[in-house]
Amino acid sequence: MNVKDERSSDAGNAVSLRTELRSGDLGWVVHRHGLLYAAEYDWNVEFEALVASVVAGFGKQHDPTRERCWFAEIDGTMVGSVFLVRNSDSVGQLRLMLVEPEARGRGIGTRLVRECLGFARAAGYSTVKLWTNSVLVDARRIYARAGFRLVESEPYHAFGHDLTSEFWEIEL
């Protein structure tokens, strides 16, 4: 499914979303998360391994009626993604949102989250939760604007750094 982003003012650079999973998409998610988080936060390969395990689980077995991924593209080039996975019968989990640096500021992250929440409602979830880190300021801002609320945080050490883990939820 391709959906044009009506908010894009430059027609030559229209943002489209698709949910059709194609060969290479899951590898792209792992690759781009690994490279971007290393460059922007100096996170080590532990993070890439975590992303790979989430993506592998989704790729091996997911229920398309309750779980989905979205890929944002500009002129056929991948610039973002997000996943919704089943946590329980009533709870979905938003995972692995990413927007490429050159595509940020265009509302792509907001749109990915909005699509994810719309699908979660239609799939029958009453709550969507997510896990993030306090250093991911832009993502946290998107989540808060979408109506998520921070429900718990705790310090931990991972990916080569001392971090603060955050758990967010939204009631649908």
Protein backbone atom coordinates (compact mmCIF):
# COMPACT_ATOMS: atom_id res chain seq x y z
CA MET A 1 0.00 0.00 0.00
CA ASN A 2 1.39 3.39 -0.98
CA VAL A 3 -0.06 6.53 0.52
CA LYS A 4 1.13 9.96 -0.56
CA ASP A 5 1.85 12.49 2.17
CA GLU A 6 -0.38 15.47 1.42
CA ARG A 7 1.77 17.68 3.67
CA SER A 8 4.77 17.41 1.34
CA SER A 9 5.02 20.72 -0.45
CA ASP A 10 7.58 19.68 -3.05
CA ALA A 11 5.82 17.17 -5.32
CA GLY A 12 9.16 15.82 -6.57
CA ASN A 13 9.99 14.71 -3.04
CA ALA A 14 6.65 13.31 -1.90
CA VAL A 15 6.76 10.96 1.06
CA SER A 16 4.99 7.65 0.66
CA LEU A 17 4.36 4.88 3.16
CA ARG A 18 4.09 1.21 2.38
CA THR A 19 3.34 -1.83 4.47
CA GLU A 20 4.27 -4.45 1.91
CA LEU A 21 7.35 -6.27 3.18
CA ARG A 22 9.99 -6.71 0.44
CA SER A 23 13.26 -8.60 0.34
CA GLY A 24 15.98 -6.45 1.87
CA ASP A 25 13.65 -4.34 4.03
CA LEU A 26 14.42 -6.12 7.29
CA GLY A 27 18.14 -6.03 6.58
CA TRP A 28 17.87 -2.30 5.88
CA VAL A 29 16.26 -1.75 9.30
CA VAL A 30 19.09 -3.56 11.09
CA HIS A 31 21.81 -1.92 9.00
CA ARG A 32 20.50 1.63 9.34
CA HIS A 33 19.82 1.33 13.08
CA GLY A 34 23.34 -0.01 13.62
CA LEU A 35 25.02 2.75 11.61
CA LEU A 36 22.88 5.68 12.78
CA TYR A 37 22.96 4.88 16.48
CA ALA A 38 26.73 4.33 16.30
CA ALA A 39 27.21 7.69 14.54
CA GLU A 40 24.73 9.73 16.60
CA TYR A 41 25.08 8.15 20.07
CA ASP A 42 28.27 6.07 19.88
CA TRP A 43 26.29 2.93 20.68
CA ASN A 44 28.12 -0.32 20.12
CA VAL A 45 27.18 -3.49 18.24
CA GLU A 46 25.06 -4.65 21.19
CA PHE A 47 22.34 -2.32 19.95
CA GLU A 48 22.52 -3.63 16.40
CA ALA A 49 22.23 -7.19 17.78
CA LEU A 50 19.10 -6.19 19.72
CA VAL A 51 17.56 -4.70 16.58
CA ALA A 52 18.49 -7.82 14.61
CA SER A 53 16.73 -10.05 17.14
CA VAL A 54 13.53 -7.96 17.02
CA VAL A 55 13.57 -7.88 13.22
CA ALA A 56 14.33 -11.62 12.96
CA GLY A 57 11.38 -12.45 15.20
CA PHE A 58 9.08 -10.29 13.10
CA GLY A 59 10.35 -11.75 9.85
CA LYS A 60 10.08 -15.36 10.98
CA GLN A 61 6.59 -15.18 12.35
CA HIS A 62 4.18 -12.32 12.59
CA ASP A 63 0.42 -12.11 12.41
CA PRO A 64 -0.40 -9.57 9.68
CA THR A 65 -3.84 -8.98 11.20
CA ARG A 66 -2.28 -7.74 14.47
CA GLU A 67 1.32 -6.83 13.56
CA ARG A 68 2.69 -4.62 10.83
CA CYS A 69 5.65 -2.58 9.68
CA TRP A 70 5.66 0.67 7.75
CA PHE A 71 8.38 1.97 5.47
CA ALA A 72 8.62 5.65 4.54
CA GLU A 73 10.10 6.44 1.15
CA ILE A 74 10.96 9.57 -0.76
CA ASP A 75 11.13 8.99 -4.50
CA GLY A 76 11.57 5.26 -3.89
CA THR A 77 14.41 5.68 -1.39
CA MET A 78 13.81 4.32 2.11
CA VAL A 79 13.97 7.07 4.75
CA GLY A 80 12.16 5.61 7.76
CA SER A 81 10.38 2.72 9.40
CA VAL A 82 8.37 1.61 12.41
CA PHE A 83 6.92 -1.70 13.63
CA LEU A 84 3.89 -2.65 15.69
CA VAL A 85 4.13 -6.07 17.34
CA ARG A 86 1.83 -8.00 19.64
CA ASN A 87 2.74 -7.84 23.30
CA SER A 88 -0.50 -9.48 24.52
CA ASP A 89 -4.09 -9.80 23.30
CA SER A 90 -4.83 -6.25 24.43
CA VAL A 91 -1.40 -4.59 24.19
CA GLY A 92 0.59 -3.75 21.08
CA GLN A 93 4.17 -2.54 21.15
CA LEU A 94 5.65 0.15 18.93
CA ARG A 95 9.22 -0.80 18.00
CA LEU A 96 12.19 0.43 16.00
CA MET A 97 11.06 3.83 14.78
CA LEU A 98 13.76 5.42 12.66
CA VAL A 99 13.91 8.42 10.33
CA GLU A 100 17.02 9.10 8.28
CA PRO A 101 18.79 12.38 9.21
CA GLU A 102 18.26 13.96 5.78
CA ALA A 103 14.51 13.29 5.99
CA ARG A 104 13.95 14.63 9.51
CA GLY A 105 11.81 17.69 10.06
CA ARG A 106 9.22 16.64 7.46
CA GLY A 107 6.75 15.00 9.87
CA ILE A 108 7.73 11.47 8.85
CA GLY A 109 8.22 10.18 12.40
CA THR A 110 4.90 11.69 13.45
CA ARG A 111 3.17 10.11 10.48
CA LEU A 112 4.73 6.69 11.13
CA VAL A 113 3.53 6.79 14.76
CA ARG A 114 0.05 7.95 13.69
CA GLU A 115 -0.25 5.08 11.19
CA CYS A 116 0.96 2.62 13.81
CA LEU A 117 -1.64 3.80 16.35
CA GLY A 118 -4.43 3.77 13.78
CA PHE A 119 -3.62 0.19 12.89
CA ALA A 120 -3.38 -0.76 16.58
CA ARG A 121 -6.91 0.57 17.17
CA ALA A 122 -8.25 -1.32 14.14
CA ALA A 123 -6.46 -4.51 15.28
CA GLY A 124 -8.26 -4.36 18.63
CA TYR A 125 -5.48 -3.31 20.98
CA SER A 126 -6.55 -1.19 23.95
CA THR A 127 -3.01 -0.04 24.80
CA VAL A 128 0.22 0.52 22.91
CA LYS A 129 3.48 0.64 24.81
CA LEU A 130 7.05 1.34 23.81
CA TRP A 131 10.54 1.29 25.23
CA THR A 132 13.01 4.06 24.49
CA ASN A 133 15.95 5.89 26.04
CA SER A 134 16.05 9.38 27.51
CA VAL A 135 18.77 10.49 25.06
CA LEU A 136 16.39 10.01 22.11
CA VAL A 137 14.93 13.49 22.54
CA ASP A 138 13.30 13.87 19.11
CA ALA A 139 11.60 10.46 19.28
CA ARG A 140 10.38 11.16 22.81
CA ARG A 141 8.86 14.45 21.61
CA ILE A 142 6.99 12.60 18.83
CA TYR A 143 5.66 10.04 21.32
CA ALA A 144 4.50 12.71 23.75
CA ARG A 145 2.71 14.67 20.99
CA ALA A 146 0.96 11.45 19.92
CA GLY A 147 -0.43 11.06 23.46
CA PHE A 148 2.00 8.54 24.96
CA ARG A 149 2.87 9.11 28.59
CA LEU A 150 6.02 8.14 30.41
CA VAL A 151 5.12 5.45 32.96
CA GLU A 152 8.53 4.29 34.21
CA SER A 153 12.23 5.06 33.86
CA GLU A 154 15.34 3.48 35.28
CA PRO A 155 19.09 3.79 34.83
CA TYR A 156 20.92 0.92 33.18
CA HIS A 157 24.10 0.17 31.27
CA ALA A 158 23.89 -1.03 27.67
CA PHE A 159 25.30 -0.39 24.22
CA GLY A 160 28.56 0.81 25.82
CA HIS A 161 26.97 3.61 27.90
CA ASP A 162 25.13 4.46 31.08
CA LEU A 163 21.60 5.26 29.92
CA THR A 164 18.10 5.85 31.23
CA SER A 165 15.55 3.36 30.00
CA GLU A 166 12.01 4.70 29.53
CA PHE A 167 8.68 2.91 29.20
CA TRP A 168 5.81 4.82 27.60
CA GLU A 169 2.13 3.89 27.07
CA ILE A 170 -0.99 5.20 25.39
CA GLU A 171 -4.56 4.06 25.99
CA LEU A 172 -6.48 3.76 22.73
